[in-house]
Amino acid sequence: MSALTVYTYANCGTCRRAVKWLRLHQLAFEERPIRELPPTPAELRTMLAAQLGEFRRLFNKSGRDYREQKLGAKLPGMDPGRALALLAHNGNLVKRPFLLGKGVALTGFVEKAWAAALLQQ
């Protein structure tokens, strides 16, 4: 098993760029399909800690499921436990790519942030 796990969606251009970047830098990783295998509650809690408890940063705000459930209006008053349960049961709601491992927890792909977190070790 690799030290990094990255959750991706095959039709996501940002996910494809992230995977390409990981390969370019010869970083071993396990890729998981986020829709079929959403991050576990434990993984979501790890990411939540990395996001300083701001659970709204874990949501894919541009996704159809997010809009259809009107989560933009619901999240401000939502209990964090409820928010994490939604994410754990619906990978479409999770911001992607979603990378964990080596003491790193990153959502979205910002090359400078990934380089600082993964290449400086």
PDB file of N, CA and C in Angstrom:
ATOM      1  N   MET A   1       0.846  -1.189   0.000  1.00  0.00           N
ATOM      2  CA  MET A   1       0.000   0.000   0.000  1.00  0.00           C
ATOM      3  C   MET A   1       0.885   1.244   0.000  1.00  0.00           C
ATOM      4  N   SER A   2       0.492   2.237  -0.777  1.00  0.00           N
ATOM      5  CA  SER A   2       1.299   3.445  -0.880  1.00  0.00           C
ATOM      6  C   SER A   2       1.033   4.356   0.312  1.00  0.00           C
ATOM      7  N   ALA A   3       1.915   5.312   0.478  1.00  0.00           N
ATOM      8  CA  ALA A   3       1.794   6.250   1.594  1.00  0.00           C
ATOM      9  C   ALA A   3       0.765   7.349   1.309  1.00  0.00           C
ATOM     10  N   LEU A   4       0.411   7.541   0.049  1.00  0.00           N
ATOM     11  CA  LEU A   4      -0.562   8.564  -0.326  1.00  0.00           C
ATOM     12  C   LEU A   4      -1.804   7.918  -0.922  1.00  0.00           C
ATOM     13  N   THR A   5      -2.947   8.474  -0.576  1.00  0.00           N
ATOM     14  CA  THR A   5      -4.208   8.063  -1.182  1.00  0.00           C
ATOM     15  C   THR A   5      -4.840   9.308  -1.778  1.00  0.00           C
ATOM     16  N   VAL A   6      -5.223   9.213  -3.042  1.00  0.00           N
ATOM     17  CA  VAL A   6      -5.875  10.343  -3.694  1.00  0.00           C
ATOM     18  C   VAL A   6      -7.208   9.865  -4.257  1.00  0.00           C
ATOM     19  N   TYR A   7      -8.253  10.546  -3.848  1.00  0.00           N
ATOM     20  CA  TYR A   7      -9.601  10.268  -4.348  1.00  0.00           C
ATOM     21  C   TYR A   7      -9.841  11.173  -5.538  1.00  0.00           C
ATOM     22  N   THR A   8     -10.283  10.569  -6.640  1.00  0.00           N
ATOM     23  CA  THR A   8     -10.487  11.322  -7.875  1.00  0.00           C
ATOM     24  C   THR A   8     -11.787  10.908  -8.557  1.00  0.00           C
ATOM     25  N   TYR A   9     -12.158  11.709  -9.521  1.00  0.00           N
ATOM     26  CA  TYR A   9     -13.284  11.409 -10.407  1.00  0.00           C
ATOM     27  C   TYR A   9     -12.736  11.428 -11.820  1.00  0.00           C
ATOM     28  N   ALA A  10     -12.970  10.366 -12.574  1.00  0.00           N
ATOM     29  CA  ALA A  10     -12.371  10.210 -13.911  1.00  0.00           C
ATOM     30  C   ALA A  10     -12.676  11.367 -14.851  1.00  0.00           C
ATOM     31  N   ASN A  11     -13.849  11.977 -14.767  1.00  0.00           N
ATOM     32  CA  ASN A  11     -14.217  13.067 -15.670  1.00  0.00           C
ATOM     33  C   ASN A  11     -13.789  14.441 -15.177  1.00  0.00           C
ATOM     34  N   CYS A  12     -13.022  14.484 -14.121  1.00  0.00           N
ATOM     35  CA  CYS A  12     -12.579  15.751 -13.525  1.00  0.00           C
ATOM     36  C   CYS A  12     -11.196  16.119 -14.051  1.00  0.00           C
ATOM     37  N   GLY A  13     -11.125  17.211 -14.789  1.00  0.00           N
ATOM     38  CA  GLY A  13      -9.845  17.668 -15.334  1.00  0.00           C
ATOM     39  C   GLY A  13      -8.837  18.001 -14.245  1.00  0.00           C
ATOM     40  N   THR A  14      -9.279  18.570 -13.156  1.00  0.00           N
ATOM     41  CA  THR A  14      -8.383  18.904 -12.052  1.00  0.00           C
ATOM     42  C   THR A  14      -7.802  17.628 -11.439  1.00  0.00           C
ATOM     43  N   CYS A  15      -8.628  16.612 -11.324  1.00  0.00           N
ATOM     44  CA  CYS A  15      -8.149  15.331 -10.806  1.00  0.00           C
ATOM     45  C   CYS A  15      -7.094  14.733 -11.727  1.00  0.00           C
ATOM     46  N   ARG A  16      -7.343  14.787 -13.017  1.00  0.00           N
ATOM     47  CA  ARG A  16      -6.377  14.248 -13.982  1.00  0.00           C
ATOM     48  C   ARG A  16      -5.055  14.998 -13.901  1.00  0.00           C
ATOM     49  N   ARG A  17      -5.119  16.326 -13.752  1.00  0.00           N
ATOM     50  CA  ARG A  17      -3.882  17.115 -13.610  1.00  0.00           C
ATOM     51  C   ARG A  17      -3.137  16.739 -12.336  1.00  0.00           C
ATOM     52  N   ALA A  18      -3.864  16.510 -11.258  1.00  0.00           N
ATOM     53  CA  ALA A  18      -3.237  16.137  -9.987  1.00  0.00           C
ATOM     54  C   ALA A  18      -2.530  14.786 -10.104  1.00  0.00           C
ATOM     55  N   VAL A  19      -3.193  13.812 -10.719  1.00  0.00           N
ATOM     56  CA  VAL A  19      -2.601  12.486 -10.890  1.00  0.00           C
ATOM     57  C   VAL A  19      -1.373  12.578 -11.793  1.00  0.00           C
ATOM     58  N   LYS A  20      -1.469  13.336 -12.848  1.00  0.00           N
ATOM     59  CA  LYS A  20      -0.327  13.527 -13.747  1.00  0.00           C
ATOM     60  C   LYS A  20       0.848  14.147 -12.992  1.00  0.00           C
ATOM     61  N   TRP A  21       0.549  15.132 -12.146  1.00  0.00           N
ATOM     62  CA  TRP A  21       1.584  15.799 -11.350  1.00  0.00           C
ATOM     63  C   TRP A  21       2.242  14.803 -10.385  1.00  0.00           C
ATOM     64  N   LEU A  22       1.449  13.987  -9.718  1.00  0.00           N
ATOM     65  CA  LEU A  22       2.000  12.981  -8.800  1.00  0.00           C
ATOM     66  C   LEU A  22       2.931  12.024  -9.543  1.00  0.00           C
ATOM     67  N   ARG A  23       2.509  11.587 -10.722  1.00  0.00           N
ATOM     68  CA  ARG A  23       3.349  10.674 -11.518  1.00  0.00           C
ATOM     69  C   ARG A  23       4.622  11.359 -11.991  1.00  0.00           C
ATOM     70  N   LEU A  24       4.485  12.602 -12.441  1.00  0.00           N
ATOM     71  CA  LEU A  24       5.648  13.364 -12.891  1.00  0.00           C
ATOM     72  C   LEU A  24       6.705  13.465 -11.800  1.00  0.00           C
ATOM     73  N   HIS A  25       6.266  13.607 -10.564  1.00  0.00           N
ATOM     74  CA  HIS A  25       7.185  13.733  -9.432  1.00  0.00           C
ATOM     75  C   HIS A  25       7.479  12.389  -8.772  1.00  0.00           C
ATOM     76  N   GLN A  26       7.081  11.312  -9.438  1.00  0.00           N
ATOM     77  CA  GLN A  26       7.366   9.944  -9.008  1.00  0.00           C
ATOM     78  C   GLN A  26       6.979   9.691  -7.554  1.00  0.00           C
ATOM     79  N   LEU A  27       5.800  10.186  -7.195  1.00  0.00           N
ATOM     80  CA  LEU A  27       5.264   9.962  -5.860  1.00  0.00           C
ATOM     81  C   LEU A  27       4.306   8.767  -5.921  1.00  0.00           C
ATOM     82  N   ALA A  28       4.566   7.779  -5.114  1.00  0.00           N
ATOM     83  CA  ALA A  28       3.705   6.588  -5.085  1.00  0.00           C
ATOM     84  C   ALA A  28       2.374   6.963  -4.452  1.00  0.00           C
ATOM     85  N   PHE A  29       1.291   6.495  -5.065  1.00  0.00           N
ATOM     86  CA  PHE A  29      -0.030   6.799  -4.533  1.00  0.00           C
ATOM     87  C   PHE A  29      -1.014   5.722  -4.946  1.00  0.00           C
ATOM     88  N   GLU A  30      -2.071   5.639  -4.166  1.00  0.00           N
ATOM     89  CA  GLU A  30      -3.196   4.780  -4.505  1.00  0.00           C
ATOM     90  C   GLU A  30      -4.327   5.695  -4.922  1.00  0.00           C
ATOM     91  N   GLU A  31      -4.889   5.445  -6.085  1.00  0.00           N
ATOM     92  CA  GLU A  31      -6.004   6.254  -6.578  1.00  0.00           C
ATOM     93  C   GLU A  31      -7.308   5.518  -6.310  1.00  0.00           C
ATOM     94  N   ARG A  32      -8.279   6.246  -5.751  1.00  0.00           N
ATOM     95  CA  ARG A  32      -9.585   5.664  -5.463  1.00  0.00           C
ATOM     96  C   ARG A  32     -10.671   6.502  -6.130  1.00  0.00           C
ATOM     97  N   PRO A  33     -11.692   5.845  -6.656  1.00  0.00           N
ATOM     98  CA  PRO A  33     -12.796   6.587  -7.280  1.00  0.00           C
ATOM     99  C   PRO A  33     -13.710   7.192  -6.208  1.00  0.00           C
ATOM    100  N   ILE A  34     -13.747   8.505  -6.147  1.00  0.00           N
ATOM    101  CA  ILE A  34     -14.447   9.201  -5.074  1.00  0.00           C
ATOM    102  C   ILE A  34     -15.953   8.965  -5.073  1.00  0.00           C
ATOM    103  N   ARG A  35     -16.537   8.781  -6.236  1.00  0.00           N
ATOM    104  CA  ARG A  35     -17.987   8.547  -6.287  1.00  0.00           C
ATOM    105  C   ARG A  35     -18.362   7.173  -5.745  1.00  0.00           C
ATOM    106  N   GLU A  36     -17.601   6.181  -6.128  1.00  0.00           N
ATOM    107  CA  GLU A  36     -17.899   4.817  -5.712  1.00  0.00           C
ATOM    108  C   GLU A  36     -17.401   4.500  -4.306  1.00  0.00           C
ATOM    109  N   LEU A  37     -16.268   5.082  -3.925  1.00  0.00           N
ATOM    110  CA  LEU A  37     -15.653   4.834  -2.616  1.00  0.00           C
ATOM    111  C   LEU A  37     -15.322   6.171  -1.941  1.00  0.00           C
ATOM    112  N   PRO A  38     -16.312   6.857  -1.401  1.00  0.00           N
ATOM    113  CA  PRO A  38     -16.039   8.145  -0.755  1.00  0.00           C
ATOM    114  C   PRO A  38     -15.060   7.984   0.403  1.00  0.00           C
ATOM    115  N   PRO A  39     -14.401   9.054   0.786  1.00  0.00           N
ATOM    116  CA  PRO A  39     -13.513   8.978   1.954  1.00  0.00           C
ATOM    117  C   PRO A  39     -14.287   8.491   3.182  1.00  0.00           C
ATOM    118  N   THR A  40     -13.586   7.773   4.041  1.00  0.00           N
ATOM    119  CA  THR A  40     -14.197   7.242   5.253  1.00  0.00           C
ATOM    120  C   THR A  40     -14.417   8.377   6.263  1.00  0.00           C
ATOM    121  N   PRO A  41     -15.264   8.147   7.250  1.00  0.00           N
ATOM    122  CA  PRO A  41     -15.425   9.170   8.295  1.00  0.00           C
ATOM    123  C   PRO A  41     -14.095   9.546   8.951  1.00  0.00           C
ATOM    124  N   ALA A  42     -13.228   8.565   9.182  1.00  0.00           N
ATOM    125  CA  ALA A  42     -11.919   8.863   9.779  1.00  0.00           C
ATOM    126  C   ALA A  42     -11.081   9.754   8.859  1.00  0.00           C
ATOM    127  N   GLU A  43     -11.092   9.450   7.557  1.00  0.00           N
ATOM    128  CA  GLU A  43     -10.343  10.273   6.600  1.00  0.00           C
ATOM    129  C   GLU A  43     -10.928  11.684   6.536  1.00  0.00           C
ATOM    130  N   LEU A  44     -12.241  11.783   6.587  1.00  0.00           N
ATOM    131  CA  LEU A  44     -12.881  13.100   6.559  1.00  0.00           C
ATOM    132  C   LEU A  44     -12.519  13.905   7.815  1.00  0.00           C
ATOM    133  N   ARG A  45     -12.449  13.235   8.958  1.00  0.00           N
ATOM    134  CA  ARG A  45     -12.046  13.945  10.186  1.00  0.00           C
ATOM    135  C   ARG A  45     -10.600  14.425  10.091  1.00  0.00           C
ATOM    136  N   THR A  46      -9.733  13.617   9.480  1.00  0.00           N
ATOM    137  CA  THR A  46      -8.340  14.032   9.278  1.00  0.00           C
ATOM    138  C   THR A  46      -8.291  15.275   8.397  1.00  0.00           C
ATOM    139  N   MET A  47      -9.057  15.262   7.308  1.00  0.00           N
ATOM    140  CA  MET A  47      -9.088  16.422   6.414  1.00  0.00           C
ATOM    141  C   MET A  47      -9.698  17.622   7.113  1.00  0.00           C
ATOM    142  N   LEU A  48     -10.717  17.405   7.905  1.00  0.00           N
ATOM    143  CA  LEU A  48     -11.357  18.493   8.639  1.00  0.00           C
ATOM    144  C   LEU A  48     -10.356  19.164   9.578  1.00  0.00           C
ATOM    145  N   ALA A  49      -9.542  18.380  10.252  1.00  0.00           N
ATOM    146  CA  ALA A  49      -8.515  18.945  11.135  1.00  0.00           C
ATOM    147  C   ALA A  49      -7.522  19.785  10.328  1.00  0.00           C
ATOM    148  N   ALA A  50      -7.145  19.297   9.146  1.00  0.00           N
ATOM    149  CA  ALA A  50      -6.212  20.044   8.287  1.00  0.00           C
ATOM    150  C   ALA A  50      -6.835  21.344   7.787  1.00  0.00           C
ATOM    151  N   GLN A  51      -8.164  21.378   7.703  1.00  0.00           N
ATOM    152  CA  GLN A  51      -8.882  22.577   7.253  1.00  0.00           C
ATOM    153  C   GLN A  51      -9.320  23.416   8.453  1.00  0.00           C
ATOM    154  N   LEU A  52      -8.692  23.166   9.599  1.00  0.00           N
ATOM    155  CA  LEU A  52      -8.933  23.928  10.832  1.00  0.00           C
ATOM    156  C   LEU A  52     -10.406  23.930  11.237  1.00  0.00           C
ATOM    157  N   GLY A  53     -11.060  22.798  11.020  1.00  0.00           N
ATOM    158  CA  GLY A  53     -12.441  22.646  11.438  1.00  0.00           C
ATOM    159  C   GLY A  53     -13.476  23.263  10.520  1.00  0.00           C
ATOM    160  N   GLU A  54     -13.045  23.812   9.399  1.00  0.00           N
ATOM    161  CA  GLU A  54     -13.965  24.472   8.465  1.00  0.00           C
ATOM    162  C   GLU A  54     -14.510  23.437   7.494  1.00  0.00           C
ATOM    163  N   PHE A  55     -15.585  22.747   7.893  1.00  0.00           N
ATOM    164  CA  PHE A  55     -16.100  21.629   7.106  1.00  0.00           C
ATOM    165  C   PHE A  55     -16.629  22.056   5.746  1.00  0.00           C
ATOM    166  N   ARG A  56     -16.987  23.310   5.570  1.00  0.00           N
ATOM    167  CA  ARG A  56     -17.486  23.748   4.260  1.00  0.00           C
ATOM    168  C   ARG A  56     -16.402  23.643   3.189  1.00  0.00           C
ATOM    169  N   ARG A  57     -15.141  23.654   3.591  1.00  0.00           N
ATOM    170  CA  ARG A  57     -14.035  23.509   2.629  1.00  0.00           C
ATOM    171  C   ARG A  57     -13.939  22.104   2.056  1.00  0.00           C
ATOM    172  N   LEU A  58     -14.635  21.165   2.654  1.00  0.00           N
ATOM    173  CA  LEU A  58     -14.590  19.786   2.179  1.00  0.00           C
ATOM    174  C   LEU A  58     -15.621  19.498   1.100  1.00  0.00           C
ATOM    175  N   PHE A  59     -16.509  20.450   0.859  1.00  0.00           N
ATOM    176  CA  PHE A  59     -17.601  20.235  -0.095  1.00  0.00           C
ATOM    177  C   PHE A  59     -17.257  20.718  -1.493  1.00  0.00           C
ATOM    178  N   ASN A  60     -17.705  19.944  -2.489  1.00  0.00           N
ATOM    179  CA  ASN A  60     -17.610  20.309  -3.894  1.00  0.00           C
ATOM    180  C   ASN A  60     -18.781  21.256  -4.190  1.00  0.00           C
ATOM    181  N   LYS A  61     -18.539  22.534  -4.040  1.00  0.00           N
ATOM    182  CA  LYS A  61     -19.610  23.530  -4.142  1.00  0.00           C
ATOM    183  C   LYS A  61     -20.106  23.745  -5.566  1.00  0.00           C
ATOM    184  N   SER A  62     -19.381  23.255  -6.540  1.00  0.00           N
ATOM    185  CA  SER A  62     -19.822  23.437  -7.926  1.00  0.00           C
ATOM    186  C   SER A  62     -20.574  22.219  -8.461  1.00  0.00           C
ATOM    187  N   GLY A  63     -20.734  21.204  -7.629  1.00  0.00           N
ATOM    188  CA  GLY A  63     -21.383  19.981  -8.076  1.00  0.00           C
ATOM    189  C   GLY A  63     -22.904  20.053  -8.081  1.00  0.00           C
ATOM    190  N   ARG A  64     -23.491  19.231  -8.930  1.00  0.00           N
ATOM    191  CA  ARG A  64     -24.938  19.177  -9.064  1.00  0.00           C
ATOM    192  C   ARG A  64     -25.614  18.729  -7.762  1.00  0.00           C
ATOM    193  N   ASP A  65     -25.049  17.718  -7.095  1.00  0.00           N
ATOM    194  CA  ASP A  65     -25.653  17.221  -5.853  1.00  0.00           C
ATOM    195  C   ASP A  65     -25.683  18.317  -4.788  1.00  0.00           C
ATOM    196  N   TYR A  66     -24.638  19.105  -4.727  1.00  0.00           N
ATOM    197  CA  TYR A  66     -24.565  20.218  -3.767  1.00  0.00           C
ATOM    198  C   TYR A  66     -25.689  21.224  -4.035  1.00  0.00           C
ATOM    199  N   ARG A  67     -25.858  21.568  -5.301  1.00  0.00           N
ATOM    200  CA  ARG A  67     -26.904  22.535  -5.678  1.00  0.00           C
ATOM    201  C   ARG A  67     -28.299  21.960  -5.465  1.00  0.00           C
ATOM    202  N   GLU A  68     -28.512  20.710  -5.882  1.00  0.00           N
ATOM    203  CA  GLU A  68     -29.834  20.094  -5.759  1.00  0.00           C
ATOM    204  C   GLU A  68     -30.271  19.972  -4.294  1.00  0.00           C
ATOM    205  N   GLN A  69     -29.326  19.747  -3.402  1.00  0.00           N
ATOM    206  CA  GLN A  69     -29.654  19.627  -1.983  1.00  0.00           C
ATOM    207  C   GLN A  69     -29.671  20.989  -1.273  1.00  0.00           C
ATOM    208  N   LYS A  70     -29.401  22.049  -2.059  1.00  0.00           N
ATOM    209  CA  LYS A  70     -29.403  23.414  -1.523  1.00  0.00           C
ATOM    210  C   LYS A  70     -28.495  23.547  -0.288  1.00  0.00           C
ATOM    211  N   LEU A  71     -27.322  22.922  -0.398  1.00  0.00           N
ATOM    212  CA  LEU A  71     -26.408  22.905   0.736  1.00  0.00           C
ATOM    213  C   LEU A  71     -25.765  24.257   1.004  1.00  0.00           C
ATOM    214  N   GLY A  72     -25.704  25.108   0.011  1.00  0.00           N
ATOM    215  CA  GLY A  72     -25.166  26.446   0.234  1.00  0.00           C
ATOM    216  C   GLY A  72     -25.921  27.176   1.334  1.00  0.00           C
ATOM    217  N   ALA A  73     -27.219  26.987   1.372  1.00  0.00           N
ATOM    218  CA  ALA A  73     -28.047  27.628   2.397  1.00  0.00           C
ATOM    219  C   ALA A  73     -28.052  26.833   3.704  1.00  0.00           C
ATOM    220  N   LYS A  74     -27.867  25.525   3.619  1.00  0.00           N
ATOM    221  CA  LYS A  74     -27.970  24.666   4.797  1.00  0.00           C
ATOM    222  C   LYS A  74     -26.678  24.556   5.607  1.00  0.00           C
ATOM    223  N   LEU A  75     -25.523  24.620   4.938  1.00  0.00           N
ATOM    224  CA  LEU A  75     -24.255  24.381   5.631  1.00  0.00           C
ATOM    225  C   LEU A  75     -23.958  25.351   6.773  1.00  0.00           C
ATOM    226  N   PRO A  76     -24.248  26.645   6.630  1.00  0.00           N
ATOM    227  CA  PRO A  76     -23.893  27.555   7.733  1.00  0.00           C
ATOM    228  C   PRO A  76     -24.470  27.149   9.090  1.00  0.00           C
ATOM    229  N   GLY A  77     -25.635  26.548   9.127  1.00  0.00           N
ATOM    230  CA  GLY A  77     -26.226  26.154  10.397  1.00  0.00           C
ATOM    231  C   GLY A  77     -26.128  24.665  10.690  1.00  0.00           C
ATOM    232  N   MET A  78     -25.422  23.934   9.839  1.00  0.00           N
ATOM    233  CA  MET A  78     -25.377  22.483   9.974  1.00  0.00           C
ATOM    234  C   MET A  78     -24.365  22.043  11.019  1.00  0.00           C
ATOM    235  N   ASP A  79     -24.725  21.002  11.743  1.00  0.00           N
ATOM    236  CA  ASP A  79     -23.832  20.366  12.700  1.00  0.00           C
ATOM    237  C   ASP A  79     -22.682  19.705  11.929  1.00  0.00           C
ATOM    238  N   PRO A  80     -21.431  19.869  12.370  1.00  0.00           N
ATOM    239  CA  PRO A  80     -20.307  19.260  11.653  1.00  0.00           C
ATOM    240  C   PRO A  80     -20.439  17.743  11.494  1.00  0.00           C
ATOM    241  N   GLY A  81     -20.988  17.072  12.482  1.00  0.00           N
ATOM    242  CA  GLY A  81     -21.171  15.623  12.366  1.00  0.00           C
ATOM    243  C   GLY A  81     -22.119  15.260  11.237  1.00  0.00           C
ATOM    244  N   ARG A  82     -23.171  16.024  11.084  1.00  0.00           N
ATOM    245  CA  ARG A  82     -24.127  15.804   9.990  1.00  0.00           C
ATOM    246  C   ARG A  82     -23.450  16.058   8.642  1.00  0.00           C
ATOM    247  N   ALA A  83     -22.648  17.113   8.576  1.00  0.00           N
ATOM    248  CA  ALA A  83     -21.939  17.443   7.334  1.00  0.00           C
ATOM    249  C   ALA A  83     -20.988  16.314   6.942  1.00  0.00           C
ATOM    250  N   LEU A  84     -20.251  15.784   7.893  1.00  0.00           N
ATOM    251  CA  LEU A  84     -19.314  14.696   7.590  1.00  0.00           C
ATOM    252  C   LEU A  84     -20.068  13.435   7.172  1.00  0.00           C
ATOM    253  N   ALA A  85     -21.222  13.187   7.767  1.00  0.00           N
ATOM    254  CA  ALA A  85     -22.030  12.031   7.370  1.00  0.00           C
ATOM    255  C   ALA A  85     -22.494  12.167   5.924  1.00  0.00           C
ATOM    256  N   LEU A  86     -22.899  13.375   5.526  1.00  0.00           N
ATOM    257  CA  LEU A  86     -23.292  13.599   4.127  1.00  0.00           C
ATOM    258  C   LEU A  86     -22.140  13.285   3.182  1.00  0.00           C
ATOM    259  N   LEU A  87     -20.958  13.769   3.524  1.00  0.00           N
ATOM    260  CA  LEU A  87     -19.784  13.553   2.681  1.00  0.00           C
ATOM    261  C   LEU A  87     -19.410  12.074   2.607  1.00  0.00           C
ATOM    262  N   ALA A  88     -19.475  11.380   3.724  1.00  0.00           N
ATOM    263  CA  ALA A  88     -19.095   9.967   3.767  1.00  0.00           C
ATOM    264  C   ALA A  88     -20.039   9.085   2.958  1.00  0.00           C
ATOM    265  N   HIS A  89     -21.264   9.560   2.747  1.00  0.00           N
ATOM    266  CA  HIS A  89     -22.245   8.759   2.020  1.00  0.00           C
ATOM    267  C   HIS A  89     -22.451   9.189   0.573  1.00  0.00           C
ATOM    268  N   ASN A  90     -21.841  10.296   0.174  1.00  0.00           N
ATOM    269  CA  ASN A  90     -22.018  10.770  -1.199  1.00  0.00           C
ATOM    270  C   ASN A  90     -20.724  11.406  -1.692  1.00  0.00           C
ATOM    271  N   GLY A  91     -19.928  10.616  -2.396  1.00  0.00           N
ATOM    272  CA  GLY A  91     -18.650  11.108  -2.909  1.00  0.00           C
ATOM    273  C   GLY A  91     -18.778  12.280  -3.860  1.00  0.00           C
ATOM    274  N   ASN A  92     -19.957  12.464  -4.473  1.00  0.00           N
ATOM    275  CA  ASN A  92     -20.159  13.615  -5.356  1.00  0.00           C
ATOM    276  C   ASN A  92     -20.076  14.930  -4.597  1.00  0.00           C
ATOM    277  N   LEU A  93     -20.320  14.883  -3.296  1.00  0.00           N
ATOM    278  CA  LEU A  93     -20.295  16.112  -2.498  1.00  0.00           C
ATOM    279  C   LEU A  93     -18.896  16.516  -2.054  1.00  0.00           C
ATOM    280  N   VAL A  94     -17.932  15.611  -2.170  1.00  0.00           N
ATOM    281  CA  VAL A  94     -16.581  15.850  -1.655  1.00  0.00           C
ATOM    282  C   VAL A  94     -15.741  16.625  -2.662  1.00  0.00           C
ATOM    283  N   LYS A  95     -15.093  17.671  -2.176  1.00  0.00           N
ATOM    284  CA  LYS A  95     -14.179  18.447  -3.033  1.00  0.00           C
ATOM    285  C   LYS A  95     -13.047  17.533  -3.464  1.00  0.00           C
ATOM    286  N   ARG A  96     -12.722  17.595  -4.725  1.00  0.00           N
ATOM    287  CA  ARG A  96     -11.696  16.723  -5.284  1.00  0.00           C
ATOM    288  C   ARG A  96     -10.669  17.499  -6.087  1.00  0.00           C
ATOM    289  N   PRO A  97      -9.521  16.911  -6.276  1.00  0.00           N
ATOM    290  CA  PRO A  97      -9.048  15.691  -5.662  1.00  0.00           C
ATOM    291  C   PRO A  97      -8.894  15.852  -4.142  1.00  0.00           C
ATOM    292  N   PHE A  98      -8.906  14.740  -3.473  1.00  0.00           N
ATOM    293  CA  PHE A  98      -8.877  14.660  -2.009  1.00  0.00           C
ATOM    294  C   PHE A  98      -7.696  13.767  -1.683  1.00  0.00           C
ATOM    295  N   LEU A  99      -6.610  14.337  -1.149  1.00  0.00           N
ATOM    296  CA  LEU A  99      -5.360  13.604  -0.953  1.00  0.00           C
ATOM    297  C   LEU A  99      -4.998  13.529   0.523  1.00  0.00           C
ATOM    298  N   LEU A 100      -4.660  12.326   0.954  1.00  0.00           N
ATOM    299  CA  LEU A 100      -4.230  12.088   2.335  1.00  0.00           C
ATOM    300  C   LEU A 100      -2.994  11.211   2.348  1.00  0.00           C
ATOM    301  N   GLY A 101      -2.133  11.452   3.336  1.00  0.00           N
ATOM    302  CA  GLY A 101      -0.975  10.587   3.545  1.00  0.00           C
ATOM    303  C   GLY A 101       0.268  11.382   3.860  1.00  0.00           C
ATOM    304  N   LYS A 102       1.251  10.702   4.442  1.00  0.00           N
ATOM    305  CA  LYS A 102       2.528  11.337   4.784  1.00  0.00           C
ATOM    306  C   LYS A 102       2.320  12.596   5.620  1.00  0.00           C
ATOM    307  N   GLY A 103       1.321  12.599   6.480  1.00  0.00           N
ATOM    308  CA  GLY A 103       1.044  13.776   7.291  1.00  0.00           C
ATOM    309  C   GLY A 103       0.476  14.939   6.505  1.00  0.00           C
ATOM    310  N   VAL A 104      -0.034  14.666   5.309  1.00  0.00           N
ATOM    311  CA  VAL A 104      -0.560  15.694   4.419  1.00  0.00           C
ATOM    312  C   VAL A 104      -2.047  15.440   4.186  1.00  0.00           C
ATOM    313  N   ALA A 105      -2.818  16.528   4.137  1.00  0.00           N
ATOM    314  CA  ALA A 105      -4.244  16.442   3.824  1.00  0.00           C
ATOM    315  C   ALA A 105      -4.582  17.644   2.948  1.00  0.00           C
ATOM    316  N   LEU A 106      -4.913  17.381   1.676  1.00  0.00           N
ATOM    317  CA  LEU A 106      -5.159  18.450   0.713  1.00  0.00           C
ATOM    318  C   LEU A 106      -6.444  18.192  -0.064  1.00  0.00           C
ATOM    319  N   THR A 107      -7.214  19.250  -0.288  1.00  0.00           N
ATOM    320  CA  THR A 107      -8.369  19.163  -1.180  1.00  0.00           C
ATOM    321  C   THR A 107      -8.151  20.144  -2.319  1.00  0.00           C
ATOM    322  N   GLY A 108      -8.657  19.766  -3.488  1.00  0.00           N
ATOM    323  CA  GLY A 108      -8.411  20.598  -4.664  1.00  0.00           C
ATOM    324  C   GLY A 108      -6.972  20.420  -5.096  1.00  0.00           C
ATOM    325  N   PHE A 109      -6.641  20.899  -6.271  1.00  0.00           N
ATOM    326  CA  PHE A 109      -5.261  20.804  -6.739  1.00  0.00           C
ATOM    327  C   PHE A 109      -4.725  22.194  -7.033  1.00  0.00           C
ATOM    328  N   VAL A 110      -3.841  22.625  -6.169  1.00  0.00           N
ATOM    329  CA  VAL A 110      -3.087  23.855  -6.371  1.00  0.00           C
ATOM    330  C   VAL A 110      -1.628  23.416  -6.371  1.00  0.00           C
ATOM    331  N   GLU A 111      -0.997  23.477  -7.538  1.00  0.00           N
ATOM    332  CA  GLU A 111       0.331  22.906  -7.697  1.00  0.00           C
ATOM    333  C   GLU A 111       1.323  23.408  -6.654  1.00  0.00           C
ATOM    334  N   LYS A 112       1.340  24.703  -6.382  1.00  0.00           N
ATOM    335  CA  LYS A 112       2.285  25.237  -5.392  1.00  0.00           C
ATOM    336  C   LYS A 112       2.051  24.639  -4.013  1.00  0.00           C
ATOM    337  N   ALA A 113       0.798  24.484  -3.623  1.00  0.00           N
ATOM    338  CA  ALA A 113       0.481  23.909  -2.309  1.00  0.00           C
ATOM    339  C   ALA A 113       0.888  22.438  -2.257  1.00  0.00           C
ATOM    340  N   TRP A 114       0.621  21.711  -3.328  1.00  0.00           N
ATOM    341  CA  TRP A 114       0.994  20.296  -3.353  1.00  0.00           C
ATOM    342  C   TRP A 114       2.514  20.149  -3.333  1.00  0.00           C
ATOM    343  N   ALA A 115       3.210  20.988  -4.074  1.00  0.00           N
ATOM    344  CA  ALA A 115       4.671  20.922  -4.084  1.00  0.00           C
ATOM    345  C   ALA A 115       5.222  21.226  -2.697  1.00  0.00           C
ATOM    346  N   ALA A 116       4.705  22.250  -2.052  1.00  0.00           N
ATOM    347  CA  ALA A 116       5.187  22.607  -0.713  1.00  0.00           C
ATOM    348  C   ALA A 116       4.930  21.479   0.279  1.00  0.00           C
ATOM    349  N   ALA A 117       3.802  20.818   0.158  1.00  0.00           N
ATOM    350  CA  ALA A 117       3.452  19.777   1.112  1.00  0.00           C
ATOM    351  C   ALA A 117       4.130  18.437   0.817  1.00  0.00           C
ATOM    352  N   LEU A 118       4.338  18.135  -0.450  1.00  0.00           N
ATOM    353  CA  LEU A 118       4.815  16.789  -0.810  1.00  0.00           C
ATOM    354  C   LEU A 118       6.267  16.713  -1.256  1.00  0.00           C
ATOM    355  N   LEU A 119       6.821  17.789  -1.739  1.00  0.00           N
ATOM    356  CA  LEU A 119       8.193  17.716  -2.257  1.00  0.00           C
ATOM    357  C   LEU A 119       9.228  18.225  -1.260  1.00  0.00           C
ATOM    358  N   GLN A 120       8.786  18.845  -0.207  1.00  0.00           N
ATOM    359  CA  GLN A 120       9.701  19.415   0.777  1.00  0.00           C
ATOM    360  C   GLN A 120      10.014  18.432   1.912  1.00  0.00           C
ATOM    361  N   GLN A 121       9.523  17.211   1.790  1.00  0.00           N
ATOM    362  CA  GLN A 121       9.700  16.228   2.879  1.00  0.00           C
ATOM    363  C   GLN A 121      10.989  15.471   2.725  1.00  0.00           C
TER     364      GLN A 121
END
